[in-house]
Amino acid sequence: MRLLSLLQARRDWSGAELAERLGVAPRTVRRDVDRLRNLGYPVLADAGVAGYRLGAGASLPPLLLDDDEAVAVAMGLRTAAGGSITGIEETSVRALAKVEAVLPSRLRHRVNALQAATVALANAGPTADPGTLTAIAASIRDSLRLRFDYRTHDGTVSVRTAEPHRLVHTGRRWYLVGWDVERADWRTYRVDRLTPRTPTGPRFTPRELPDISGFTSRAISTSAYRYQARFTLHVSVETAAERISPTTGALEPVDEHSCTLRAGSNSLDELAIYVTTMGFPFHVHEPPELVEHVRTLAARLRAAVEDPGQLQA
């Protein structure tokens, strides 16, 4: 079992490394490798370097998980059972039943305690098809160009070609970050609006990635909207991040006491209300329409609390 755990932890091992880690002779390693093969584990051997690798077999053999890994798998399956991937809920429930059936009592108590303390809000938004996610992930793994039909927010469908680099999950939606071949620029695509075409290819050389978190946050919170606003918040970026999620605004630190917020909307009123209700002192920089709109709103709000008698006087 210790040998199997090592083989699952790293891709390649030499026989000498395994023997040293296990404190046994190389002959014992070879004998135990044969025993694992008899149990159905596809242990591959490279005679040139006397190396071993756990390969993929025709069926999934048992996995060895430590305590933290087992808890993480169980919690992940429970989350997926009500998650944002279409059709995966029932499969997750079946897998979870198998995992929980073999969990030791102490780990089952940990999982149940975590579950009891966690409240999951229902996901009312669009869900991603697991087949689409799998196809994208395979193209990313193999560095294959992806052609797909893409539906924009207004319902227009077009054919896109991209070099896929990363999948990003925001907790509500899945996004593909890729290099758009026609536009020669980085783009984000909502996976629930994407339908892959076959075949994929050709291969491409992966590019140097932008800051994925910052890029995705700006793309989905700012770039897609008519008005793209920039504010200075007079609080630290850590304090602002407690109230502002990456899907609604992109934050950048300025110094210890201030940060920049970039957010987008198709409504000036929505932007003004959004930043005001954060509860932070702020200054609005752009666009010019928003600056003037905030000035007008400030005058209107000030007038709303003035004494009517003073106004008449």
Protein backbone atom coordinates (compact mmCIF):
# COMPACT_ATOMS: atom_id res chain seq x y z
CA MET A 1 0.00 0.00 0.00
CA ARG A 2 2.89 2.37 0.70
CA LEU A 3 4.30 1.57 -2.73
CA LEU A 4 0.95 2.29 -4.37
CA SER A 5 0.67 5.59 -2.48
CA LEU A 6 4.08 6.69 -3.81
CA LEU A 7 3.19 5.73 -7.38
CA GLN A 8 0.00 7.78 -7.16
CA ALA A 9 1.83 10.80 -5.73
CA ARG A 10 4.30 11.31 -8.60
CA ARG A 11 4.43 10.42 -12.29
CA ASP A 12 7.84 8.70 -12.54
CA TRP A 13 9.97 6.83 -10.00
CA SER A 14 13.20 4.90 -10.41
CA GLY A 15 13.41 1.53 -8.73
CA ALA A 16 16.26 2.80 -6.55
CA GLU A 17 14.19 5.80 -5.37
CA LEU A 18 11.27 3.57 -4.44
CA ALA A 19 13.51 1.12 -2.62
CA GLU A 20 15.12 3.96 -0.64
CA ARG A 21 11.78 5.59 0.27
CA LEU A 22 10.32 2.25 1.39
CA GLY A 23 13.45 1.00 3.12
CA VAL A 24 13.49 -2.28 1.17
CA ALA A 25 15.63 -4.00 -1.44
CA PRO A 26 15.06 -3.38 -5.18
CA ARG A 27 14.00 -7.04 -5.49
CA THR A 28 11.16 -6.36 -3.00
CA VAL A 29 10.04 -3.39 -5.10
CA ARG A 30 9.91 -5.59 -8.22
CA ARG A 31 7.95 -8.28 -6.37
CA ASP A 32 5.44 -5.77 -4.97
CA VAL A 33 5.02 -4.17 -8.40
CA ASP A 34 4.04 -7.61 -9.73
CA ARG A 35 1.53 -7.98 -6.88
CA LEU A 36 -0.03 -4.61 -7.75
CA ARG A 37 -0.33 -5.67 -11.40
CA ASN A 38 -2.10 -8.85 -10.31
CA LEU A 39 -4.57 -6.66 -8.38
CA GLY A 40 -5.35 -4.69 -11.55
CA TYR A 41 -3.07 -1.66 -11.17
CA PRO A 42 -1.38 -0.82 -14.50
CA VAL A 43 2.19 -0.25 -13.29
CA LEU A 44 4.39 0.47 -16.31
CA ALA A 45 8.13 -0.22 -16.30
CA ASP A 46 10.89 1.49 -18.29
CA ALA A 47 13.68 -1.03 -18.55
CA GLY A 48 16.15 1.59 -19.76
CA VAL A 49 16.21 3.49 -16.46
CA ALA A 50 14.60 0.83 -14.25
CA GLY A 51 11.73 3.26 -13.70
CA TYR A 52 8.09 2.78 -12.81
CA ARG A 53 4.94 4.71 -13.59
CA LEU A 54 1.29 4.18 -12.69
CA GLY A 55 -0.52 4.18 -16.02
CA ALA A 56 -4.15 4.37 -17.07
CA GLY A 57 -5.94 1.04 -17.25
CA ALA A 58 -9.16 -0.22 -18.79
CA SER A 59 -10.97 0.45 -15.50
CA LEU A 60 -10.36 2.68 -12.52
CA PRO A 61 -8.53 0.81 -9.76
CA PRO A 62 -8.94 1.76 -6.09
CA LEU A 63 -7.23 5.00 -5.09
CA LEU A 64 -5.35 5.61 -1.88
CA LEU A 65 -6.29 8.89 -0.22
CA ASP A 66 -4.99 10.41 2.98
CA ASP A 67 -7.45 11.86 5.50
CA ASP A 68 -7.46 15.41 4.11
CA GLU A 69 -7.77 14.17 0.52
CA ALA A 70 -10.72 11.93 1.43
CA VAL A 71 -12.54 14.82 3.16
CA ALA A 72 -11.84 17.09 0.17
CA VAL A 73 -13.23 14.51 -2.28
CA ALA A 74 -16.38 13.97 -0.20
CA MET A 75 -17.03 17.69 0.19
CA GLY A 76 -16.34 18.29 -3.49
CA LEU A 77 -18.86 15.62 -4.50
CA ARG A 78 -21.48 17.03 -2.12
CA THR A 79 -20.97 20.47 -3.64
CA ALA A 80 -21.12 19.10 -7.19
CA ALA A 81 -24.39 17.34 -6.36
CA GLY A 82 -26.08 20.74 -6.38
CA GLY A 83 -23.59 22.54 -8.57
CA SER A 84 -23.33 24.41 -11.83
CA ILE A 85 -22.56 21.57 -14.26
CA THR A 86 -25.61 20.23 -16.08
CA GLY A 87 -26.35 16.56 -15.46
CA ILE A 88 -23.54 15.93 -12.99
CA GLU A 89 -25.74 16.02 -9.88
CA GLU A 90 -26.95 12.40 -10.04
CA THR A 91 -23.47 11.09 -10.90
CA SER A 92 -22.00 13.01 -7.97
CA VAL A 93 -24.58 11.55 -5.59
CA ARG A 94 -23.72 8.00 -6.70
CA ALA A 95 -19.99 8.62 -6.33
CA LEU A 96 -20.51 10.27 -2.95
CA ALA A 97 -22.44 7.24 -1.68
CA LYS A 98 -19.48 5.01 -2.58
CA VAL A 99 -16.95 7.31 -0.93
CA GLU A 100 -18.96 7.76 2.27
CA ALA A 101 -19.55 4.01 2.54
CA VAL A 102 -15.84 3.42 3.09
CA LEU A 103 -14.98 6.55 5.09
CA PRO A 104 -13.72 5.82 8.60
CA SER A 105 -16.02 7.12 11.33
CA ARG A 106 -13.66 9.96 12.29
CA LEU A 107 -13.62 11.28 8.70
CA ARG A 108 -17.37 10.89 8.27
CA HIS A 109 -17.83 13.09 11.33
CA ARG A 110 -15.54 15.74 9.79
CA VAL A 111 -17.45 15.72 6.52
CA ASN A 112 -20.82 15.89 8.28
CA ALA A 113 -19.64 18.76 10.49
CA LEU A 114 -18.46 20.73 7.45
CA GLN A 115 -21.70 20.03 5.61
CA ALA A 116 -23.86 21.02 8.60
CA ALA A 117 -22.02 24.33 8.93
CA THR A 118 -22.28 25.15 5.22
CA VAL A 119 -25.24 26.80 3.53
CA ALA A 120 -25.30 26.56 -0.28
CA LEU A 121 -27.40 29.10 -2.13
CA ALA A 122 -29.35 27.68 -5.06
CA ASN A 123 -27.75 28.29 -8.42
CA ALA A 124 -30.48 29.87 -10.52
CA GLY A 125 -28.18 30.79 -13.38
CA PRO A 126 -27.22 28.86 -16.52
CA THR A 127 -25.26 25.65 -16.11
CA ALA A 128 -22.35 24.28 -18.12
CA ASP A 129 -22.59 21.01 -20.01
CA PRO A 130 -20.03 18.48 -18.68
CA GLY A 131 -19.29 17.25 -22.20
CA THR A 132 -18.40 20.79 -23.25
CA LEU A 133 -16.17 21.24 -20.21
CA THR A 134 -14.44 17.95 -20.95
CA ALA A 135 -13.87 18.86 -24.60
CA ILE A 136 -12.39 22.23 -23.63
CA ALA A 137 -10.18 20.69 -20.96
CA ALA A 138 -8.87 18.12 -23.44
CA SER A 139 -8.03 20.86 -25.96
CA ILE A 140 -6.22 22.83 -23.26
CA ARG A 141 -4.27 19.72 -22.20
CA ASP A 142 -3.24 18.83 -25.75
CA SER A 143 -2.75 22.46 -26.97
CA LEU A 144 -5.28 22.06 -29.78
CA ARG A 145 -7.15 24.96 -31.34
CA LEU A 146 -10.85 24.97 -30.61
CA ARG A 147 -13.58 25.96 -33.08
CA PHE A 148 -16.99 26.60 -31.57
CA ASP A 149 -20.35 28.27 -32.06
CA TYR A 150 -20.70 31.15 -29.61
CA ARG A 151 -23.91 32.88 -28.60
CA THR A 152 -23.56 36.47 -27.34
CA HIS A 153 -25.80 38.12 -24.74
CA ASP A 154 -28.13 39.41 -27.47
CA GLY A 155 -28.58 35.94 -29.01
CA THR A 156 -26.28 36.42 -32.02
CA VAL A 157 -24.40 33.22 -32.92
CA SER A 158 -20.99 33.27 -34.60
CA VAL A 159 -18.17 30.79 -35.21
CA ARG A 160 -15.02 31.46 -33.17
CA THR A 161 -11.55 29.95 -33.29
CA ALA A 162 -9.43 30.16 -30.17
CA GLU A 163 -6.33 28.74 -28.57
CA PRO A 164 -7.76 27.57 -25.24
CA HIS A 165 -5.56 28.12 -22.19
CA ARG A 166 -7.59 28.01 -18.96
CA LEU A 167 -11.04 27.26 -17.56
CA VAL A 168 -12.17 29.66 -14.82
CA HIS A 169 -15.00 28.92 -12.40
CA THR A 170 -16.36 31.93 -10.50
CA GLY A 171 -18.73 29.94 -8.30
CA ARG A 172 -21.69 30.82 -10.54
CA ARG A 173 -20.42 30.38 -14.08
CA TRP A 174 -17.65 28.76 -16.09
CA TYR A 175 -15.47 30.79 -18.46
CA LEU A 176 -12.88 29.84 -21.07
CA VAL A 177 -9.85 32.11 -21.32
CA GLY A 178 -8.24 31.82 -24.73
CA TRP A 179 -6.39 33.60 -27.51
CA ASP A 180 -8.95 34.58 -30.17
CA VAL A 181 -7.28 33.79 -33.50
CA GLU A 182 -9.34 36.19 -35.66
CA ARG A 183 -9.10 39.08 -33.17
CA ALA A 184 -5.46 38.37 -32.23
CA ASP A 185 -6.17 39.07 -28.57
CA TRP A 186 -7.10 37.40 -25.30
CA ARG A 187 -10.81 36.82 -24.76
CA THR A 188 -13.12 35.22 -22.21
CA TYR A 189 -16.09 33.08 -23.31
CA ARG A 190 -18.97 31.88 -21.19
CA VAL A 191 -18.99 28.09 -21.42
CA ASP A 192 -22.79 27.84 -21.22
CA ARG A 193 -22.94 29.86 -24.48
CA LEU A 194 -20.32 27.74 -26.25
CA THR A 195 -20.79 24.65 -28.46
CA PRO A 196 -17.53 23.00 -29.63
CA ARG A 197 -17.13 21.91 -33.24
CA THR A 198 -15.20 18.86 -34.38
CA PRO A 199 -12.54 18.12 -35.29
CA THR A 200 -10.22 20.18 -33.11
CA GLY A 201 -6.76 21.31 -34.13
CA PRO A 202 -4.22 22.11 -35.32
CA ARG A 203 -1.80 22.18 -32.41
CA PHE A 204 -0.53 25.52 -31.11
CA THR A 205 2.33 26.67 -28.90
CA PRO A 206 0.89 27.91 -25.59
CA ARG A 207 1.33 31.64 -25.07
CA GLU A 208 2.46 33.47 -21.98
CA LEU A 209 -0.68 33.96 -19.95
CA PRO A 210 -1.92 37.27 -18.58
CA ASP A 211 -2.84 37.46 -14.91
CA ILE A 212 -5.78 35.06 -15.18
CA SER A 213 -7.64 36.25 -12.07
CA GLY A 214 -7.33 39.94 -12.89
CA PHE A 215 -7.97 39.49 -16.60
CA THR A 216 -11.09 37.38 -16.07
CA SER A 217 -12.41 39.73 -13.39
CA ARG A 218 -12.02 42.77 -15.67
CA ALA A 219 -13.51 40.95 -18.65
CA ILE A 220 -16.69 39.79 -16.92
CA SER A 221 -17.22 42.78 -14.60
CA THR A 222 -16.21 45.69 -16.84
CA SER A 223 -15.29 45.14 -20.49
CA ALA A 224 -18.61 43.69 -21.66
CA TYR A 225 -20.64 46.77 -20.69
CA ARG A 226 -21.47 50.11 -22.31
CA TYR A 227 -20.05 52.15 -19.44
CA GLN A 228 -16.68 51.21 -17.94
CA ALA A 229 -16.08 53.06 -14.72
CA ARG A 230 -12.95 53.74 -12.68
CA PHE A 231 -13.11 54.71 -9.03
CA THR A 232 -10.62 55.28 -6.23
CA LEU A 233 -11.78 53.68 -3.00
CA HIS A 234 -10.20 55.15 0.13
CA VAL A 235 -9.74 51.80 1.84
CA SER A 236 -7.17 49.05 1.44
CA VAL A 237 -7.68 46.52 -1.34
CA GLU A 238 -8.08 43.79 1.31
CA THR A 239 -10.95 45.69 2.95
CA ALA A 240 -12.61 46.38 -0.40
CA ALA A 241 -12.31 42.71 -1.42
CA GLU A 242 -14.45 41.72 1.56
CA ARG A 243 -17.41 43.50 -0.08
CA ILE A 244 -16.62 43.36 -3.80
CA SER A 245 -16.46 40.02 -5.61
CA PRO A 246 -14.26 39.50 -8.71
CA THR A 247 -17.39 39.00 -10.81
CA THR A 248 -18.74 42.50 -10.05
CA GLY A 249 -15.58 44.59 -9.97
CA ALA A 250 -11.82 44.41 -10.52
CA LEU A 251 -9.64 45.75 -7.69
CA GLU A 252 -6.05 46.98 -7.89
CA PRO A 253 -4.04 48.26 -4.91
CA VAL A 254 -2.78 51.86 -4.95
CA ASP A 255 -1.23 52.01 -1.50
CA GLU A 256 -2.00 50.75 2.00
CA HIS A 257 -5.03 53.00 2.32
CA SER A 258 -6.57 53.11 -1.17
CA CYS A 259 -7.28 51.01 -4.22
CA THR A 260 -8.71 51.28 -7.73
CA LEU A 261 -12.08 49.75 -8.58
CA ARG A 262 -13.06 49.11 -12.20
CA ALA A 263 -16.65 48.10 -12.85
CA GLY A 264 -19.04 48.13 -15.77
CA SER A 265 -22.74 48.51 -16.43
CA ASN A 266 -25.17 49.56 -19.10
CA SER A 267 -26.72 52.00 -16.61
CA LEU A 268 -25.13 55.07 -15.02
CA ASP A 269 -27.63 54.87 -12.16
CA GLU A 270 -26.60 51.28 -11.47
CA LEU A 271 -22.92 52.23 -11.29
CA ALA A 272 -23.58 55.16 -8.99
CA ILE A 273 -25.76 53.13 -6.62
CA TYR A 274 -23.35 50.18 -6.69
CA VAL A 275 -20.30 52.14 -5.54
CA THR A 276 -22.28 54.25 -3.05
CA THR A 277 -23.78 51.27 -1.25
CA MET A 278 -20.37 49.68 -0.70
CA GLY A 279 -20.02 51.99 2.30
CA PHE A 280 -16.52 53.21 1.39
CA PRO A 281 -15.42 56.80 0.70
CA PHE A 282 -14.66 57.03 -3.00
CA HIS A 283 -13.81 59.31 -5.89
CA VAL A 284 -15.14 58.75 -9.40
CA HIS A 285 -12.76 59.34 -12.33
CA GLU A 286 -14.43 58.04 -15.49
CA PRO A 287 -16.31 57.91 -17.76
CA PRO A 288 -17.16 61.65 -17.98
CA GLU A 289 -20.88 60.81 -18.21
CA LEU A 290 -20.71 59.06 -14.84
CA VAL A 291 -18.83 61.95 -13.22
CA GLU A 292 -21.57 64.37 -14.31
CA HIS A 293 -24.30 61.90 -13.35
CA VAL A 294 -22.92 61.49 -9.84
CA ARG A 295 -22.70 65.29 -9.51
CA THR A 296 -26.37 65.59 -10.51
CA LEU A 297 -27.41 62.81 -8.15
CA ALA A 298 -25.48 64.42 -5.29
CA ALA A 299 -27.32 67.71 -5.80
CA ARG A 300 -30.66 65.92 -5.99
CA LEU A 301 -29.98 63.97 -2.80
CA ARG A 302 -28.79 67.08 -0.98
CA ALA A 303 -31.96 68.88 -1.97
CA ALA A 304 -34.03 65.96 -0.70
CA VAL A 305 -32.89 66.54 2.89
CA GLU A 306 -32.91 70.36 2.88
CA ASP A 307 -35.52 72.19 4.94
CA PRO A 308 -38.29 73.17 2.45
CA GLY A 309 -38.69 76.50 4.28
CA GLN A 310 -35.04 77.37 3.68
CA LEU A 311 -35.41 76.48 0.02
CA GLN A 312 -38.43 78.81 -0.32
CA ALA A 313 -36.61 81.60 1.50
